[in-house]
Structures are given as structure tokens and as C-alpha cells.
């Protein structure tokens, strides 16, 4: 409690310019106190006569007279500090690490303590600025990853969309081609029938009793094209195409994951590690299940698990 009291008292007798105990303290019109030499030098180096604390300006340079009351209080404080310092321990006459011996009294300057605190605060500020930069950098990296992933997604889905559209166009072309074949056959039959009708009408107009030879149309007919299974076949082909595209995508994704792979030491006693291992194996198993037939999955998965 005594040390706190000393610091509080010393704070009251510190010049805000030199941060040391007052020497020849003077009071300016605004009520603030400074060392006479400190405030004199301050005004000598500035064009305006301003208070360094409250910034109040004075039209003319104030006369400086030593404040005898404060001067006496400072003297009593120095004497009290000297008595307490000498009575506590003779070793305190030697400055501790980080302390600055006072030029006036035997105590430690508060300036050193203030400097130490200021350095710590500056270090804290610097750490937080670095943390802000780190967070911003993480956001930039995340944005780059997001843009890259979007580009990959757009490329993949565009390819899949083109495959679907290509499959649909092929289906439509197949159906139309069958329809054209049917129409072509029907037109040929109609033309032949019209030709025979024309010949028969000529025979009738000439009163010819014997009709010309004609074709037996009893068994002739135009059967509509069969479209059954056309859509199913197109869907099956599309599924095979999409399966190949998915396989390529999976292989590319695996390569990307391997680029970011790290060695992980799992604790067999730690339940969390076992869950991580189980989840990893399950993921690999699902990926293998999609890539290989059922009979090959167990062999492939066993090999992967052993390597893990």
C-alpha cells in the first residue's frame, strides 16, 4: 500500500512535458503546472503560446513565477520518498533491472515505468495489427479458393449440361430420321398407286375390256416406326457418359486432395482419433464404391486401409 501511495503522490508532482518530478514548478493562467525550463523551452520552439495539456491559447506570453506552494510540496515529497527508500533496505540504493536512478531523489523515476508500460502497449497493438493482417489474408485465401472452386464447378456442370443437350439432340435426330423413313416409304407407295389409278382411268375411257396388269396391294401397308426403347437407350447412353465424366471429376478431386495431404499421427487411445480414422475410411470406401464394381471394392478398400 505504501508503494501505491508513493506512485500516486509522485504522479501528482510530475511535469507532463519531461515526465519527471517538478523542478521550479510554475503555474500558467489555465491552471496547469510545468517545470519552468520545460514550459519556457516549449514556448521558445512554437509560434503560439498554448498550454501543452488543454491547448488553451494566450495572446501574450504569460509571466512565469515559481509556485511556492507546489515547490514546497515537491520538496516534502522528495524528502518523504528519500526516507522511505533508505528505511526499506540499503540495497534499494542500487537500481533494479529496468529502473532508472532519479537525478534528484533516491527513488526510481516514474518515467521508466511509464516507458515500460508504453512499450508493452505498443507491443500489444502491434500483435493485434498482425492478427488483423492474418485474418484479412485468410479471407483473401478463402475468396481465392471459392473463386477457383466456382470456376471448376462451372466447368464441370457446363460439360455435363453439354452432354445432356447432346444426348437430347441425338434422341430427337434419331426419332426424326425414323419418321422421315416412314414418310419416304409412304410417298413412294402413294405415287405408285396414283400411277396405277391414272392407267386404269385411261383404260376405262377407251372402253378396253382387258385391264392392265397391276400390283396386288392386299398385303402392302405402311407400318409406323417403332419408337419403343429409343428414350431408354438414349438415357442409358447418357448415364454412361455422365459416369465417365464423374469418374474424371473424382480422379481430379483426389489429386487436389493429395496436394493438401498431411501426415497425421492418430492416438489409438483417443476416441476422437478413432472417429477421425473411421470417418476417413468411410469416405475412401464410398469413393471406391463409386469407382469400382462391388467385387473389387473390398480388395481396393483393404489395400487403402492398410496404407492408412
Protein backbone atom coordinates (compact mmCIF):
# COMPACT_ATOMS: atom_id res chain seq x y z
CA UNK A 1 0.00 0.00 0.00
CA UNK A 2 2.94 2.33 0.71
CA UNK A 3 4.32 1.80 -2.80
CA UNK A 4 0.97 2.64 -4.32
CA UNK A 5 0.72 5.78 -2.24
CA UNK A 6 4.19 6.87 -3.37
CA UNK A 7 3.33 6.36 -7.01
CA UNK A 8 0.10 8.27 -6.66
CA UNK A 9 1.86 11.15 -4.93
CA UNK A 10 4.67 11.15 -7.47
CA UNK A 11 2.11 11.24 -10.30
CA UNK A 12 0.71 14.43 -8.85
CA UNK A 13 4.14 16.08 -8.96
CA UNK A 14 5.15 15.07 -12.48
CA UNK A 15 5.69 17.56 -15.26
CA UNK A 16 3.68 16.49 -18.32
CA UNK A 17 6.49 17.66 -20.60
CA UNK A 18 9.57 15.94 -19.15
CA UNK A 19 7.57 13.33 -17.19
CA UNK A 20 9.82 13.94 -14.20
CA UNK A 21 9.25 15.45 -10.77
CA UNK A 22 8.77 19.22 -10.95
CA UNK A 23 11.83 21.43 -10.89
CA UNK A 24 10.96 25.07 -10.21
CA UNK A 25 7.24 24.43 -10.81
CA UNK A 26 5.27 27.29 -12.40
CA UNK A 27 1.53 27.69 -12.94
CA UNK A 28 0.25 29.20 -16.18
CA UNK A 29 -3.11 31.08 -16.46
CA UNK A 30 -5.13 27.97 -17.37
CA UNK A 31 -4.13 26.36 -14.06
CA UNK A 32 -1.74 23.67 -15.27
CA UNK A 33 1.73 23.28 -13.80
CA UNK A 34 5.07 22.65 -15.53
CA UNK A 35 8.77 22.88 -14.85
CA UNK A 36 9.87 26.44 -15.55
CA UNK A 37 12.54 25.38 -18.04
CA UNK A 38 10.18 22.91 -19.74
CA UNK A 39 7.40 25.38 -20.49
CA UNK A 40 9.95 28.07 -21.43
CA UNK A 41 11.64 25.79 -23.96
CA UNK A 42 8.24 24.69 -25.24
CA UNK A 43 7.14 28.24 -25.98
CA UNK A 44 10.52 29.14 -27.44
CA UNK A 45 10.11 26.45 -30.10
CA UNK A 46 6.47 27.28 -31.00
CA UNK A 47 4.87 30.28 -32.67
CA UNK A 48 1.84 30.27 -30.35
CA UNK A 49 1.60 30.32 -26.59
CA UNK A 50 -0.56 27.24 -25.97
CA UNK A 51 -0.96 25.04 -22.93
CA UNK A 52 0.55 21.61 -23.79
CA UNK A 53 -2.32 19.90 -21.93
CA UNK A 54 -5.56 21.76 -22.62
CA UNK A 55 -4.31 23.69 -25.70
CA UNK A 56 -5.68 26.99 -24.34
CA UNK A 57 -4.00 29.89 -26.15
CA UNK A 58 -2.69 33.15 -24.73
CA UNK A 59 -2.36 36.36 -26.73
CA UNK A 60 0.77 37.38 -24.87
CA UNK A 61 3.42 35.25 -23.27
CA UNK A 62 2.46 34.77 -19.59
CA UNK A 63 4.91 35.76 -16.90
CA UNK A 64 6.34 32.71 -15.18
CA UNK A 65 6.78 32.70 -11.44
CA UNK A 66 7.67 29.71 -9.32
CA UNK A 67 4.66 28.34 -7.45
CA UNK A 68 6.00 28.28 -3.91
CA UNK A 69 3.20 26.05 -2.62
CA UNK A 70 3.81 23.33 -5.18
CA UNK A 71 7.57 23.76 -4.79
CA UNK A 72 7.28 23.12 -1.04
CA UNK A 73 5.04 20.09 -1.67
CA UNK A 74 7.58 18.68 -4.11
CA UNK A 75 10.36 19.18 -1.56
CA UNK A 76 8.32 17.37 1.11
CA UNK A 77 7.57 14.56 -1.33
CA UNK A 78 11.25 14.14 -2.17
CA UNK A 79 12.18 14.10 1.48
CA UNK A 80 9.47 11.54 2.30
CA UNK A 81 10.46 9.35 -0.64
CA UNK A 82 14.11 9.51 0.42
CA UNK A 83 13.28 8.47 3.99
CA UNK A 84 11.12 5.54 2.88
CA UNK A 85 13.74 4.41 0.37
CA UNK A 86 16.55 4.50 2.94
CA UNK A 87 14.50 2.80 5.68
CA UNK A 88 13.26 -0.08 3.48
CA UNK A 89 16.66 -1.51 2.56
CA UNK A 90 20.11 -0.29 1.79
CA UNK A 91 20.05 -2.47 -1.35
CA UNK A 92 17.38 -0.26 -2.86
CA UNK A 93 20.03 2.41 -3.38
CA UNK A 94 21.19 0.31 -6.34
CA UNK A 95 18.68 0.39 -9.20
CA UNK A 96 16.95 -2.82 -10.10
CA UNK A 97 16.99 -4.08 -13.72
CA UNK A 98 14.78 -1.86 -15.85
CA UNK A 99 14.77 1.01 -13.32
CA UNK A 100 16.33 4.42 -13.85
CA UNK A 101 18.00 6.17 -10.88
CA UNK A 102 16.45 9.56 -10.14
CA UNK A 103 18.79 12.53 -10.55
CA UNK A 104 17.07 14.36 -7.68
CA UNK A 105 15.84 11.76 -5.19
CA UNK A 106 16.93 8.22 -4.33
CA UNK A 107 13.71 6.67 -5.68
CA UNK A 108 13.05 5.29 -9.16
CA UNK A 109 11.77 7.62 -11.82
CA UNK A 110 8.18 7.07 -12.79
CA UNK A 111 9.31 7.88 -16.32
CA UNK A 112 10.96 4.48 -16.59
CA UNK A 113 7.75 2.75 -15.50
CA UNK A 114 5.71 4.79 -17.95
CA UNK A 115 8.17 3.93 -20.71
CA UNK A 116 7.92 0.24 -19.90
CA UNK A 117 4.12 0.37 -19.92
CA UNK A 118 4.12 2.27 -23.20
CA UNK A 119 6.39 -0.36 -24.78
CA UNK A 120 4.09 -3.16 -23.62
CA UNK A 121 1.04 -1.37 -25.01
CA UNK A 122 2.84 -0.76 -28.29
CA UNK A 123 3.70 -4.45 -28.47
CA UNK A 124 0.06 -5.40 -27.82
CA UNK A 125 -1.05 -3.00 -30.57
CA UNK A 126 1.48 -4.48 -32.99
CA UNK A 127 0.32 -8.04 -32.22
CA UNK A 128 -3.28 -7.10 -32.91
CA UNK A 129 -2.35 -5.38 -36.16
CA UNK A 130 -0.54 -8.53 -37.24
CA UNK A 131 -3.61 -10.57 -36.27
CA UNK A 132 -5.79 -8.29 -38.42
CA UNK A 133 -3.43 -8.83 -41.36
CA UNK A 134 -3.54 -12.58 -40.73
CA UNK A 135 -7.34 -12.61 -40.70
CA UNK A 136 -7.53 -10.49 -43.86
CA UNK A 137 -5.03 -12.81 -45.55
CA UNK A 138 -7.17 -15.80 -44.56
CA UNK A 139 -10.23 -14.12 -46.06
CA UNK A 140 -8.28 -13.43 -49.28
CA UNK A 141 -7.17 -17.07 -49.47
CA UNK A 142 -10.73 -18.22 -48.82
CA UNK A 143 -12.00 -15.94 -51.57
CA UNK A 144 -9.40 -17.30 -53.99
CA UNK A 145 -10.38 -20.87 -53.10
CA UNK A 146 -14.06 -20.01 -53.53
CA UNK A 147 -13.45 -18.42 -56.96
CA UNK A 148 -11.35 -21.39 -58.04
CA UNK A 149 -13.98 -23.86 -56.83
CA UNK A 150 -16.74 -21.93 -58.59
CA UNK A 151 -14.71 -21.98 -61.82
CA UNK A 152 -14.23 -25.74 -61.51
CA UNK A 153 -17.93 -26.22 -60.75
CA UNK A 154 -18.98 -24.11 -63.72
CA UNK A 155 -16.65 -26.07 -65.97
CA UNK A 156 -17.91 -29.44 -64.73
CA UNK A 157 -21.60 -28.58 -64.85
CA UNK A 158 -21.19 -26.94 -68.25
CA UNK A 159 -19.65 -30.16 -69.54
CA UNK A 160 -22.46 -32.21 -68.02
CA UNK A 161 -25.05 -29.83 -69.44
CA UNK A 162 -23.48 -30.12 -72.89
CA UNK A 163 -23.55 -33.91 -72.58
CA UNK A 164 -27.25 -33.83 -71.69
CA UNK A 165 -28.07 -31.45 -74.53
CA UNK A 166 -26.02 -33.56 -76.96
CA UNK A 167 -27.86 -36.69 -75.85
CA UNK A 168 -31.23 -34.96 -76.27
CA UNK A 169 -30.31 -33.73 -79.75
CA UNK A 170 -29.21 -37.22 -80.77
CA UNK A 171 -32.50 -38.64 -79.47
CA UNK A 172 -34.52 -36.09 -81.43
CA UNK A 173 -32.47 -36.72 -84.58
CA UNK A 174 -32.98 -40.49 -84.26
CA UNK A 175 -36.75 -40.13 -83.90
CA UNK A 176 -36.99 -37.66 -86.78
CA UNK A 177 -34.88 -39.91 -89.00
CA UNK A 178 -37.23 -42.83 -88.38
CA UNK A 179 -40.20 -40.61 -89.13
CA UNK A 180 -38.60 -39.43 -92.38
CA UNK A 181 -38.04 -43.04 -93.43
CA UNK A 182 -41.71 -43.82 -92.82
CA UNK A 183 -42.84 -40.74 -94.74
CA UNK A 184 -40.50 -41.58 -97.63
CA UNK A 185 -41.89 -45.11 -97.89
CA UNK A 186 -45.49 -43.83 -97.74
CA UNK A 187 -44.84 -41.28 -100.51
CA UNK A 188 -43.39 -44.00 -102.75
CA UNK A 189 -46.48 -46.19 -102.26
CA UNK A 190 -48.85 -43.28 -102.86
CA UNK A 191 -47.04 -42.32 -106.05
CA UNK A 192 -47.21 -45.86 -107.35
CA UNK A 193 -50.92 -46.12 -106.51
CA UNK A 194 -51.69 -42.83 -108.22
CA UNK A 195 -49.85 -44.07 -111.30
CA UNK A 196 -51.96 -47.22 -111.41
CA UNK A 197 -55.14 -45.19 -110.90
CA UNK A 198 -54.19 -43.00 -113.86
CA UNK A 199 -53.61 -46.05 -116.06
CA UNK A 200 -56.91 -47.61 -115.01
CA UNK A 201 -58.79 -44.43 -115.80
CA UNK A 202 -57.26 -44.36 -119.28
CA UNK A 203 -58.32 -47.96 -119.91
CA UNK A 204 -61.83 -47.14 -118.75
CA UNK A 205 -62.08 -44.12 -121.05
CA UNK A 206 -61.02 -46.23 -124.05
CA UNK A 207 -63.57 -48.96 -123.23
CA UNK A 208 -60.89 -51.54 -123.11
CA UNK A 209 -62.27 -54.71 -121.65
CA UNK A 210 -58.94 -56.08 -120.52
CA UNK A 211 -57.47 -54.10 -117.56
CA UNK A 212 -53.74 -53.59 -117.49
CA UNK A 213 -51.59 -55.56 -115.09
CA UNK A 214 -51.49 -54.01 -111.64
CA UNK A 215 -49.83 -54.70 -108.34
CA UNK A 216 -51.57 -56.66 -105.61
CA UNK A 217 -51.82 -54.18 -102.76
CA UNK A 218 -53.57 -56.51 -100.35
CA UNK A 219 -50.53 -57.19 -98.21
CA UNK A 220 -48.92 -53.77 -98.71
CA UNK A 221 -49.07 -51.35 -95.79
CA UNK A 222 -47.01 -48.67 -94.12
CA UNK A 223 -46.14 -49.58 -90.57
CA UNK A 224 -45.49 -46.70 -88.19
CA UNK A 225 -41.90 -46.56 -86.94
CA UNK A 226 -41.35 -48.18 -83.59
CA UNK A 227 -40.00 -45.73 -81.02
CA UNK A 228 -40.22 -48.08 -78.08
CA UNK A 229 -36.93 -48.14 -76.17
CA UNK A 230 -35.49 -45.15 -78.01
CA UNK A 231 -35.66 -42.86 -74.97
CA UNK A 232 -34.47 -45.61 -72.65
CA UNK A 233 -31.48 -46.30 -74.86
CA UNK A 234 -30.63 -42.60 -75.00
CA UNK A 235 -30.86 -42.32 -71.21
CA UNK A 236 -28.59 -45.36 -70.77
CA UNK A 237 -26.01 -43.82 -73.09
CA UNK A 238 -26.30 -40.52 -71.23
CA UNK A 239 -25.81 -42.32 -67.92
CA UNK A 240 -22.64 -43.96 -69.23
CA UNK A 241 -21.35 -40.59 -70.42
CA UNK A 242 -22.12 -38.94 -67.10
CA UNK A 243 -20.47 -41.84 -65.28
CA UNK A 244 -17.27 -41.31 -67.25
CA UNK A 245 -17.39 -37.58 -66.55
CA UNK A 246 -17.95 -38.25 -62.82
CA UNK A 247 -15.00 -40.62 -62.77
CA UNK A 248 -12.77 -37.97 -64.34
CA UNK A 249 -14.04 -35.43 -61.82
CA UNK A 250 -13.38 -37.81 -58.93
CA UNK A 251 -9.84 -38.50 -60.10
CA UNK A 252 -9.17 -34.78 -60.44
CA UNK A 253 -10.60 -34.15 -56.96
CA UNK A 254 -8.43 -36.91 -55.48
CA UNK A 255 -5.35 -35.33 -57.00
CA UNK A 256 -6.34 -31.99 -55.48
CA UNK A 257 -6.83 -33.58 -52.06
CA UNK A 258 -3.44 -35.29 -52.28
CA UNK A 259 -1.80 -31.91 -52.83
CA UNK A 260 -3.05 -30.78 -49.42
CA UNK A 261 -2.45 -34.12 -47.68
CA UNK A 262 -0.55 -34.00 -44.37
CA UNK A 263 0.85 -36.69 -42.11
CA UNK A 264 -1.44 -37.28 -39.12
CA UNK A 265 -0.46 -39.29 -36.05
CA UNK A 266 -3.60 -40.80 -34.54
CA UNK A 267 -3.75 -41.71 -30.87
CA UNK A 268 -5.29 -45.22 -30.60
CA UNK A 269 -6.50 -44.41 -27.08
CA UNK A 270 -8.16 -41.16 -28.05
CA UNK A 271 -11.80 -41.73 -29.12
CA UNK A 272 -11.67 -38.61 -31.30
CA UNK A 273 -8.76 -40.04 -33.27
CA UNK A 274 -10.62 -43.31 -33.79
CA UNK A 275 -13.66 -41.40 -35.04
CA UNK A 276 -11.44 -39.45 -37.44
CA UNK A 277 -9.89 -42.66 -38.74
CA UNK A 278 -13.31 -44.27 -39.12
CA UNK A 279 -14.67 -41.26 -41.00
CA UNK A 280 -11.65 -41.22 -43.29
CA UNK A 281 -12.02 -44.91 -44.11
CA UNK A 282 -15.73 -44.46 -44.74
CA UNK A 283 -15.05 -41.63 -47.17
CA UNK A 284 -12.46 -43.69 -49.05
CA UNK A 285 -14.83 -46.67 -49.11
CA UNK A 286 -17.64 -44.58 -50.62
CA UNK A 287 -15.27 -43.18 -53.24
CA UNK A 288 -14.06 -46.69 -54.10
CA UNK A 289 -17.63 -47.97 -54.21
CA UNK A 290 -18.45 -45.41 -56.89
CA UNK A 291 -15.34 -46.17 -58.91
CA UNK A 292 -15.14 -49.98 -58.79
CA UNK A 293 -17.61 -52.89 -59.07
CA UNK A 294 -18.76 -54.48 -55.78
CA UNK A 295 -16.36 -57.44 -56.06
CA UNK A 296 -13.37 -55.13 -56.36
CA UNK A 297 -14.36 -52.78 -53.57
CA UNK A 298 -13.32 -54.99 -50.66
CA UNK A 299 -9.86 -55.61 -52.15
CA UNK A 300 -9.29 -51.96 -53.01
CA UNK A 301 -10.59 -50.74 -49.65
CA UNK A 302 -8.49 -53.26 -47.75
CA UNK A 303 -5.37 -52.06 -49.52
CA UNK A 304 -6.18 -48.41 -48.83
CA UNK A 305 -6.98 -49.05 -45.16
CA UNK A 306 -3.72 -50.89 -44.65
CA UNK A 307 -1.82 -48.00 -46.19
CA UNK A 308 -3.64 -45.61 -43.83
